[in-house]
Amino acid sequence: MSHTCRIELDGKSHDFPVFAGTENELSIDISTLRDRTGYITLDDGYSNTGSCKSAITYIDGDKGILRYRGIPIEQLAEHSTFVETAWLVIWGRLPTEEEMERFSRRLTMNQMMHESLRNHFQGFPPNAHPMAILSAMINAMSCYEPEMMDIDDENTMEKAAARIISKVRTIAAASYKMSIGQPLMYPHPEYKYAENFLHMMFSVPYREYWPTPEVSRALNLFLILHADHEQNCSTSTVRMVASSQANMFASCAAGVCALWGPLHGGANVAVIEMLEFIRQSGMKVSEYVERVKQKDTKLRLMGFGHRVYKNFDPRSKILKAAARHRLAAASQRLRLLGGRLDALSPLATLNRGYAILRRPADGAILRRAGDAAAGDLVEALLGQGRLRCEIKAVLRADDALGFSSPRSSPGAPP
């Protein structure tokens, strides 16, 4: 059943259609308001305005709900990959096995930058902001991808999406390498999406970085959780620029600039800077929090609170669980390594029934029978306690097998 909303202005009534969204949330279509009444609406910050009809992402900030194409983010985080999720967001459904293989192959084929594009990095200062580099390089890609300027069919759209999704990680890794003065690394054809990004970030020409499954999974999870977030600032910017029929690279570059802002993606930078400050200052986290509570301090607690999520951010719950799992796995490995080290320690050797011999005079450890002579005093270190012993005879090396007789010490009677 259709619904309408009646608005009375200047003594006249005007009916406007009401639409139900994917989760039955209601919206009033006022697109004809100005033509019919001469009025426009004022919604500062677009906090209560839907700019388009979209079935991509649903967010309920009060209940802490986030869904891509109707699938809860919790399910995607547990069972999906970033590449599969990217396909889902773009096309509205999960890919078939054949589609997944084709899209993955296109990502691999397009992960390298044009060699001339690599030279662009020499024009940036080492301390250039990575978002400035990313935006500039995405824009520059349009010069090297002329066939992607006009996208008028699904096949071209898939190719264009694969190119920009694949090359973004290469550009990001290259900007990091440039900032620390290391040579840029080429992508590895055998690595998957997240693994390749880690490889390009941390490998050097003389030493390969081998991403562990735990770290690769953590990065993959992070990318899934940030694949889309409804009509936020950067998404709206991309749509606004694209509405002029600007090419995909120019539109995405504009979105990166919007993401740069400290009230959007740049908020993550403030969190990292806060954590670095806590680490370098030597303060405990609890101490820092107490100082934040003081009215006369300039310290702030970054990363808490969200403009949309009023109850909890479902992404934070997933990341917290993943971090705990990662720390538990690392702790288990440390315990195993500790057990191996303990097994190799001298004390563990002594507790297994062996002894360490040394000369009390100089503390030297006796490693060979020839290091002692008959009549020498030695000290035997046991698992519990010590023994003071006198050497009665020195045997040859093969006497340990019980085949030989004692060797006389120098000057002893035959």
Protein backbone atom coordinates (compact mmCIF):
# COMPACT_ATOMS: atom_id res chain seq x y z
CA MET A 1 0.00 0.00 0.00
CA SER A 2 1.39 3.41 -0.99
CA HIS A 3 1.87 6.11 1.60
CA THR A 4 1.88 9.86 1.33
CA CYS A 5 2.96 12.68 3.57
CA ARG A 6 0.95 15.91 3.62
CA ILE A 7 2.77 19.19 4.12
CA GLU A 8 0.84 22.43 4.61
CA LEU A 9 2.50 25.64 3.39
CA ASP A 10 0.87 29.03 3.05
CA GLY A 11 -2.54 27.53 3.62
CA LYS A 12 -2.14 24.91 0.91
CA SER A 13 -1.73 21.15 1.33
CA HIS A 14 0.77 19.16 -0.68
CA ASP A 15 1.05 15.37 -0.70
CA PHE A 16 4.44 13.73 -1.23
CA PRO A 17 5.13 10.01 -1.69
CA VAL A 18 6.63 7.95 1.12
CA PHE A 19 9.02 5.12 0.23
CA ALA A 20 10.11 2.15 2.33
CA GLY A 21 13.80 1.22 2.31
CA THR A 22 15.41 -2.21 2.32
CA GLU A 23 14.89 -2.50 6.08
CA ASN A 24 11.42 -0.87 5.96
CA GLU A 25 12.77 2.50 7.05
CA LEU A 26 10.56 5.26 5.65
CA SER A 27 11.56 8.30 3.61
CA ILE A 28 9.65 11.22 2.10
CA ASP A 29 10.32 12.05 -1.54
CA ILE A 30 10.48 15.85 -1.69
CA SER A 31 12.19 16.08 -5.07
CA THR A 32 9.22 18.10 -6.42
CA LEU A 33 8.91 20.36 -3.36
CA ARG A 34 10.46 23.43 -4.98
CA ASP A 35 8.53 23.12 -8.22
CA ARG A 36 5.24 22.80 -6.36
CA THR A 37 5.75 25.24 -3.51
CA GLY A 38 8.79 27.39 -4.20
CA TYR A 39 10.34 26.10 -0.95
CA ILE A 40 13.53 24.11 -0.45
CA THR A 41 14.67 22.17 2.60
CA LEU A 42 17.61 23.00 4.85
CA ASP A 43 19.51 20.02 6.27
CA ASP A 44 22.89 21.21 7.48
CA GLY A 45 25.40 18.39 7.02
CA TYR A 46 22.87 16.15 5.26
CA SER A 47 22.31 14.31 8.53
CA ASN A 48 18.70 13.54 7.60
CA THR A 49 18.78 13.51 3.81
CA GLY A 50 18.92 10.51 1.51
CA SER A 51 20.66 11.63 -1.67
CA CYS A 52 19.75 8.57 -3.72
CA LYS A 53 18.14 5.14 -3.68
CA SER A 54 20.73 2.49 -2.86
CA ALA A 55 20.67 -1.18 -1.91
CA ILE A 56 24.41 -1.42 -1.21
CA THR A 57 24.81 -0.76 2.50
CA TYR A 58 22.43 -0.52 5.42
CA ILE A 59 23.40 1.06 8.74
CA ASP A 60 21.37 1.32 11.92
CA GLY A 61 23.50 3.39 14.26
CA ASP A 62 21.18 2.99 17.23
CA LYS A 63 21.25 -0.81 17.04
CA GLY A 64 24.84 -1.18 15.82
CA ILE A 65 23.89 -2.86 12.52
CA LEU A 66 26.00 -2.85 9.34
CA ARG A 67 25.08 -4.89 6.27
CA TYR A 68 26.47 -5.11 2.75
CA ARG A 69 23.79 -6.05 0.21
CA GLY A 70 21.66 -7.43 3.04
CA ILE A 71 24.44 -9.63 4.48
CA PRO A 72 25.47 -8.83 8.08
CA ILE A 73 29.04 -7.63 8.39
CA GLU A 74 29.66 -10.32 11.03
CA GLN A 75 29.02 -13.08 8.47
CA LEU A 76 31.25 -11.49 5.84
CA ALA A 77 34.03 -10.98 8.38
CA GLU A 78 33.93 -14.64 9.34
CA HIS A 79 33.43 -16.32 5.98
CA SER A 80 34.35 -13.92 3.15
CA THR A 81 37.47 -12.31 1.70
CA PHE A 82 38.03 -8.71 0.69
CA VAL A 83 38.03 -9.57 -3.02
CA GLU A 84 34.74 -11.45 -2.72
CA THR A 85 33.25 -8.63 -0.63
CA ALA A 86 34.36 -6.05 -3.20
CA TRP A 87 32.53 -7.99 -5.90
CA LEU A 88 29.46 -8.19 -3.66
CA VAL A 89 29.42 -4.44 -3.07
CA ILE A 90 29.86 -3.64 -6.78
CA TRP A 91 27.44 -6.13 -8.33
CA GLY A 92 24.95 -6.78 -5.54
CA ARG A 93 25.51 -10.51 -5.15
CA LEU A 94 28.21 -12.99 -4.25
CA PRO A 95 30.28 -14.12 -7.25
CA THR A 96 30.17 -17.56 -8.78
CA GLU A 97 33.36 -19.61 -8.74
CA GLU A 98 34.05 -18.63 -12.35
CA GLU A 99 33.41 -14.93 -11.68
CA MET A 100 35.62 -15.00 -8.60
CA GLU A 101 38.46 -16.61 -10.55
CA ARG A 102 38.14 -14.07 -13.37
CA PHE A 103 38.03 -11.07 -11.03
CA SER A 104 41.01 -12.35 -9.01
CA ARG A 105 42.96 -12.89 -12.23
CA ARG A 106 42.22 -9.34 -13.33
CA LEU A 107 43.43 -8.02 -9.98
CA THR A 108 46.70 -9.92 -10.44
CA MET A 109 47.14 -8.74 -14.03
CA ASN A 110 46.63 -5.09 -13.07
CA GLN A 111 48.62 -4.83 -9.86
CA MET A 112 51.72 -3.30 -11.47
CA MET A 113 51.99 0.42 -12.19
CA HIS A 114 53.20 1.76 -15.50
CA GLU A 115 56.96 2.28 -15.19
CA SER A 116 56.59 5.96 -16.07
CA LEU A 117 54.01 6.27 -13.31
CA ARG A 118 56.56 4.91 -10.83
CA ASN A 119 58.81 7.83 -11.71
CA HIS A 120 56.17 10.24 -10.41
CA PHE A 121 57.14 9.30 -6.85
CA GLN A 122 60.48 11.05 -7.30
CA GLY A 123 58.62 14.35 -7.47
CA PHE A 124 57.19 14.02 -3.95
CA PRO A 125 59.16 15.03 -0.85
CA PRO A 126 59.90 12.15 1.57
CA ASN A 127 57.53 13.59 4.17
CA ALA A 128 54.60 14.00 1.76
CA HIS A 129 51.26 12.95 3.20
CA PRO A 130 50.24 9.51 1.86
CA MET A 131 46.71 10.71 1.06
CA ALA A 132 48.10 13.52 -1.10
CA ILE A 133 50.23 10.98 -2.97
CA LEU A 134 47.36 8.52 -3.34
CA SER A 135 45.00 11.16 -4.71
CA ALA A 136 47.58 12.52 -7.15
CA MET A 137 48.60 9.07 -8.38
CA ILE A 138 45.01 7.89 -8.91
CA ASN A 139 44.37 11.04 -10.92
CA ALA A 140 47.55 10.45 -12.93
CA MET A 141 46.39 6.91 -13.74
CA SER A 142 43.82 8.40 -16.10
CA CYS A 143 46.70 9.42 -18.38
CA TYR A 144 47.79 5.79 -18.67
CA GLU A 145 44.34 4.19 -18.91
CA PRO A 146 42.64 6.04 -21.82
CA GLU A 147 40.42 3.07 -22.63
CA MET A 148 38.86 3.36 -19.15
CA MET A 149 37.70 6.95 -19.58
CA ASP A 150 34.26 5.96 -20.87
CA ILE A 151 32.56 3.08 -19.06
CA ASP A 152 29.35 2.05 -20.78
CA ASP A 153 29.05 -1.70 -20.15
CA GLU A 154 29.48 -4.17 -17.29
CA ASN A 155 32.58 -5.83 -18.71
CA THR A 156 34.43 -2.51 -18.95
CA MET A 157 33.19 -1.61 -15.48
CA GLU A 158 34.63 -4.83 -14.05
CA LYS A 159 37.97 -4.19 -15.77
CA ALA A 160 38.10 -0.62 -14.48
CA ALA A 161 37.18 -1.66 -10.94
CA ALA A 162 39.86 -4.37 -10.97
CA ARG A 163 42.50 -1.91 -12.16
CA ILE A 164 41.88 0.75 -9.56
CA ILE A 165 41.30 -1.69 -6.66
CA SER A 166 44.51 -3.53 -7.53
CA LYS A 167 46.73 -0.51 -8.14
CA VAL A 168 45.62 1.38 -5.03
CA ARG A 169 47.55 -1.05 -2.80
CA THR A 170 50.62 -0.73 -5.05
CA ILE A 171 50.49 3.06 -4.81
CA ALA A 172 49.95 2.99 -1.03
CA ALA A 173 52.89 0.63 -0.49
CA ALA A 174 55.10 2.71 -2.79
CA SER A 175 54.31 5.90 -0.87
CA TYR A 176 55.36 4.18 2.37
CA LYS A 177 58.60 2.91 0.83
CA MET A 178 59.38 6.37 -0.46
CA SER A 179 58.82 7.90 2.99
CA ILE A 180 61.45 5.62 4.58
CA GLY A 181 63.94 5.83 1.73
CA GLN A 182 63.64 2.24 0.54
CA PRO A 183 63.31 1.08 -3.08
CA LEU A 184 59.83 0.37 -4.39
CA MET A 185 58.93 -3.31 -4.49
CA TYR A 186 57.17 -4.97 -7.40
CA PRO A 187 54.06 -7.03 -6.60
CA HIS A 188 54.39 -10.80 -6.35
CA PRO A 189 52.25 -12.70 -8.88
CA GLU A 190 51.64 -15.64 -6.53
CA TYR A 191 50.36 -13.65 -3.55
CA LYS A 192 46.73 -12.86 -2.85
CA TYR A 193 45.44 -9.32 -2.38
CA ALA A 194 46.29 -8.68 1.29
CA GLU A 195 49.49 -10.74 1.18
CA ASN A 196 50.76 -8.76 -1.80
CA PHE A 197 50.18 -5.46 -0.05
CA LEU A 198 52.19 -6.69 2.97
CA HIS A 199 54.92 -7.94 0.64
CA MET A 200 55.23 -4.57 -1.11
CA MET A 201 55.22 -2.78 2.25
CA PHE A 202 57.85 -4.78 4.10
CA SER A 203 60.00 -6.73 1.62
CA VAL A 204 63.35 -5.34 0.51
CA PRO A 205 65.47 -6.47 -2.47
CA TYR A 206 67.81 -8.52 -0.29
CA ARG A 207 65.20 -9.97 2.08
CA GLU A 208 61.72 -11.27 1.30
CA TYR A 209 58.95 -10.60 3.79
CA TRP A 210 56.78 -13.68 4.21
CA PRO A 211 53.32 -12.65 5.48
CA THR A 212 52.01 -15.01 8.13
CA PRO A 213 48.45 -16.31 7.72
CA GLU A 214 47.40 -14.47 10.90
CA VAL A 215 48.66 -11.08 9.71
CA SER A 216 47.24 -11.57 6.21
CA ARG A 217 43.88 -12.52 7.68
CA ALA A 218 43.90 -9.47 9.97
CA LEU A 219 44.53 -7.10 7.05
CA ASN A 220 41.93 -8.89 4.93
CA LEU A 221 39.43 -8.48 7.76
CA PHE A 222 40.25 -4.78 8.11
CA LEU A 223 39.63 -4.23 4.39
CA ILE A 224 36.29 -6.06 4.54
CA LEU A 225 35.09 -3.90 7.41
CA HIS A 226 35.95 -0.71 5.51
CA ALA A 227 34.75 -1.77 2.06
CA ASP A 228 31.72 0.53 2.25
CA HIS A 229 29.90 2.70 4.77
CA GLU A 230 26.81 4.07 3.08
CA GLN A 231 26.59 7.71 1.91
CA ASN A 232 29.48 9.09 3.94
CA CYS A 233 31.57 12.12 3.03
CA SER A 234 33.97 10.42 0.60
CA THR A 235 31.27 8.31 -1.08
CA SER A 236 29.09 11.38 -1.56
CA THR A 237 32.07 13.25 -2.99
CA VAL A 238 32.75 10.50 -5.54
CA ARG A 239 29.09 10.54 -6.60
CA MET A 240 29.02 14.33 -6.82
CA VAL A 241 32.11 14.48 -9.04
CA ALA A 242 30.95 11.53 -11.15
CA SER A 243 27.59 13.24 -11.72
CA SER A 244 29.40 15.62 -14.09
CA GLN A 245 30.49 12.52 -16.05
CA ALA A 246 34.05 12.92 -14.85
CA ASN A 247 36.08 9.74 -15.35
CA MET A 248 36.37 7.12 -12.64
CA PHE A 249 39.95 8.05 -11.71
CA ALA A 250 39.12 11.74 -11.18
CA SER A 251 36.04 10.81 -9.15
CA CYS A 252 37.93 8.38 -6.90
CA ALA A 253 40.80 10.85 -6.46
CA ALA A 254 38.28 13.40 -5.19
CA GLY A 255 36.92 10.80 -2.78
CA VAL A 256 40.43 10.22 -1.41
CA CYS A 257 40.76 13.95 -0.73
CA ALA A 258 37.48 13.87 1.20
CA LEU A 259 38.64 10.82 3.14
CA TRP A 260 41.79 12.73 4.11
CA GLY A 261 39.87 15.05 6.44
CA PRO A 262 40.36 14.68 10.22
CA LEU A 263 36.60 14.31 10.70
CA HIS A 264 36.51 11.36 8.29
CA GLY A 265 39.26 8.84 7.50
CA GLY A 266 41.89 11.17 8.91
CA ALA A 267 40.52 10.46 12.38
CA ASN A 268 42.53 7.21 12.29
CA VAL A 269 45.71 9.27 12.06
CA ALA A 270 44.87 11.02 15.32
CA VAL A 271 44.43 7.63 17.02
CA ILE A 272 47.82 6.38 15.79
CA GLU A 273 49.48 9.61 16.91
CA MET A 274 47.88 9.24 20.35
CA LEU A 275 49.10 5.65 20.68
CA GLU A 276 52.61 6.67 19.58
CA PHE A 277 52.60 9.47 22.16
CA ILE A 278 51.60 7.04 24.93
CA ARG A 279 54.33 4.60 23.90
CA GLN A 280 57.08 7.21 23.62
CA SER A 281 56.12 8.94 26.88
CA GLY A 282 56.28 5.67 28.81
CA MET A 283 52.87 6.28 30.36
CA LYS A 284 50.46 3.49 31.11
CA VAL A 285 47.14 3.62 29.27
CA SER A 286 45.28 4.08 32.55
CA GLU A 287 47.54 7.00 33.44
CA TYR A 288 46.89 8.65 30.08
CA VAL A 289 43.12 8.26 30.52
CA GLU A 290 43.30 9.88 33.95
CA ARG A 291 45.24 12.82 32.53
CA VAL A 292 42.63 13.25 29.79
CA LYS A 293 39.97 13.62 32.48
CA GLN A 294 41.78 16.61 33.98
CA LYS A 295 40.21 19.87 32.86
CA ASP A 296 43.50 21.74 32.45
CA THR A 297 45.06 19.19 30.08
CA LYS A 298 45.30 19.46 26.31
CA LEU A 299 45.36 15.69 25.90
CA ARG A 300 42.40 14.09 24.18
CA LEU A 301 41.14 10.53 23.96
CA MET A 302 40.90 9.81 20.24
CA GLY A 303 38.97 7.05 18.49
CA PHE A 304 35.99 6.85 20.83
CA GLY A 305 32.50 7.82 19.76
CA HIS A 306 30.98 7.83 16.29
CA ARG A 307 28.65 10.22 14.50
CA VAL A 308 26.45 7.38 13.24
CA TYR A 309 26.82 4.56 15.77
CA LYS A 310 25.16 5.67 19.00
CA ASN A 311 25.18 2.26 20.69
CA PHE A 312 28.28 0.42 19.44
CA ASP A 313 30.22 0.08 16.21
CA PRO A 314 29.88 -3.54 14.98
CA ARG A 315 33.24 -3.23 13.22
CA SER A 316 35.00 -2.48 16.51
CA LYS A 317 33.60 -5.65 18.09
CA ILE A 318 34.92 -7.73 15.20
CA LEU A 319 38.34 -6.05 15.27
CA LYS A 320 38.58 -6.44 19.04
CA ALA A 321 37.86 -10.17 18.79
CA ALA A 322 40.40 -10.51 15.97
CA ALA A 323 43.03 -8.64 17.99
CA ARG A 324 42.48 -10.90 20.98
CA HIS A 325 42.77 -13.97 18.76
CA ARG A 326 45.97 -12.61 17.22
CA LEU A 327 47.48 -11.87 20.63
CA ALA A 328 46.46 -15.29 21.93
CA ALA A 329 48.14 -16.97 18.94
CA ALA A 330 51.28 -14.89 19.46
CA SER A 331 51.25 -15.72 23.17
CA GLN A 332 50.96 -19.43 22.38
CA ARG A 333 53.95 -19.23 20.02
CA LEU A 334 55.97 -17.45 22.69
CA ARG A 335 55.10 -20.18 25.19
CA LEU A 336 56.21 -22.85 22.72
CA LEU A 337 59.46 -21.01 22.03
CA GLY A 338 59.97 -20.54 25.75
CA GLY A 339 59.50 -24.26 26.28
CA ARG A 340 62.09 -25.04 23.63
CA LEU A 341 64.56 -22.60 25.15
CA ASP A 342 63.98 -24.08 28.59
CA ALA A 343 64.64 -27.55 27.19
CA LEU A 344 67.98 -26.35 25.82
CA SER A 345 69.04 -24.50 28.96
CA PRO A 346 71.91 -25.90 31.08
CA LEU A 347 69.58 -26.30 34.06
CA ALA A 348 67.20 -28.46 32.04
CA THR A 349 70.16 -30.56 30.91
CA LEU A 350 71.27 -31.06 34.50
CA ASN A 351 67.77 -32.04 35.59
CA ARG A 352 67.83 -34.82 32.99
CA GLY A 353 70.72 -36.49 34.89
CA TYR A 354 73.76 -34.84 33.31
CA ALA A 355 76.48 -32.87 35.08
CA ILE A 356 78.74 -29.92 34.23
CA LEU A 357 82.37 -30.18 35.36
CA ARG A 358 84.54 -27.15 36.07
CA ARG A 359 87.83 -26.39 37.80
CA PRO A 360 87.26 -24.51 41.05
CA ALA A 361 90.56 -22.69 40.67
CA ASP A 362 89.68 -20.73 37.53
CA GLY A 363 86.03 -21.68 36.89
CA ALA A 364 86.87 -23.18 33.48
CA ILE A 365 84.33 -25.65 32.08
CA LEU A 366 85.81 -29.06 31.23
CA ARG A 367 84.69 -30.10 27.75
CA ARG A 368 87.24 -32.84 27.01
CA ALA A 369 88.91 -35.50 29.10
CA GLY A 370 92.25 -34.00 28.13
CA ASP A 371 91.34 -30.77 29.97
CA ALA A 372 92.01 -32.56 33.30
CA ALA A 373 94.76 -34.69 34.75
CA ALA A 374 94.81 -37.33 37.45
CA GLY A 375 94.81 -35.70 40.87
CA ASP A 376 92.99 -32.54 39.73
CA LEU A 377 90.12 -31.28 41.83
CA VAL A 378 86.92 -30.58 39.87
CA GLU A 379 83.44 -29.46 40.80
CA ALA A 380 80.41 -31.30 39.39
CA LEU A 381 77.31 -29.12 38.98
CA LEU A 382 74.13 -31.20 39.24
CA GLY A 383 70.47 -30.40 38.85
CA GLN A 384 70.36 -29.96 42.62
CA GLY A 385 73.60 -29.28 44.45
CA ARG A 386 77.31 -29.66 43.65
CA LEU A 387 80.00 -32.29 44.24
CA ARG A 388 83.73 -31.72 44.84
CA CYS A 389 85.66 -34.57 43.15
CA GLU A 390 89.26 -35.67 42.61
CA ILE A 391 90.29 -37.11 39.25
CA LYS A 392 91.69 -40.62 39.77
CA ALA A 393 92.39 -41.37 36.12
CA VAL A 394 91.87 -39.87 32.65
CA LEU A 395 90.47 -42.13 29.92
CA ARG A 396 90.93 -41.86 26.17
CA ALA A 397 88.06 -40.56 24.03
CA ASP A 398 86.86 -44.03 23.04
CA ASP A 399 86.93 -45.18 26.66
CA ALA A 400 83.43 -43.76 26.98
CA LEU A 401 82.37 -46.95 25.21
CA GLY A 402 84.17 -49.02 27.84
CA PHE A 403 86.90 -50.42 25.54
CA SER A 404 90.10 -48.98 27.02
CA SER A 405 92.08 -48.92 30.21
CA PRO A 406 93.13 -45.82 32.19
CA ARG A 407 95.91 -43.63 30.77
CA SER A 408 98.71 -42.94 33.21
CA SER A 409 99.30 -39.36 34.12
CA PRO A 410 102.74 -37.85 33.42
CA GLY A 411 105.32 -39.00 35.93
CA ALA A 412 103.19 -41.82 37.32
CA PRO A 413 104.83 -45.20 37.86
CA PRO A 414 104.25 -47.81 35.12
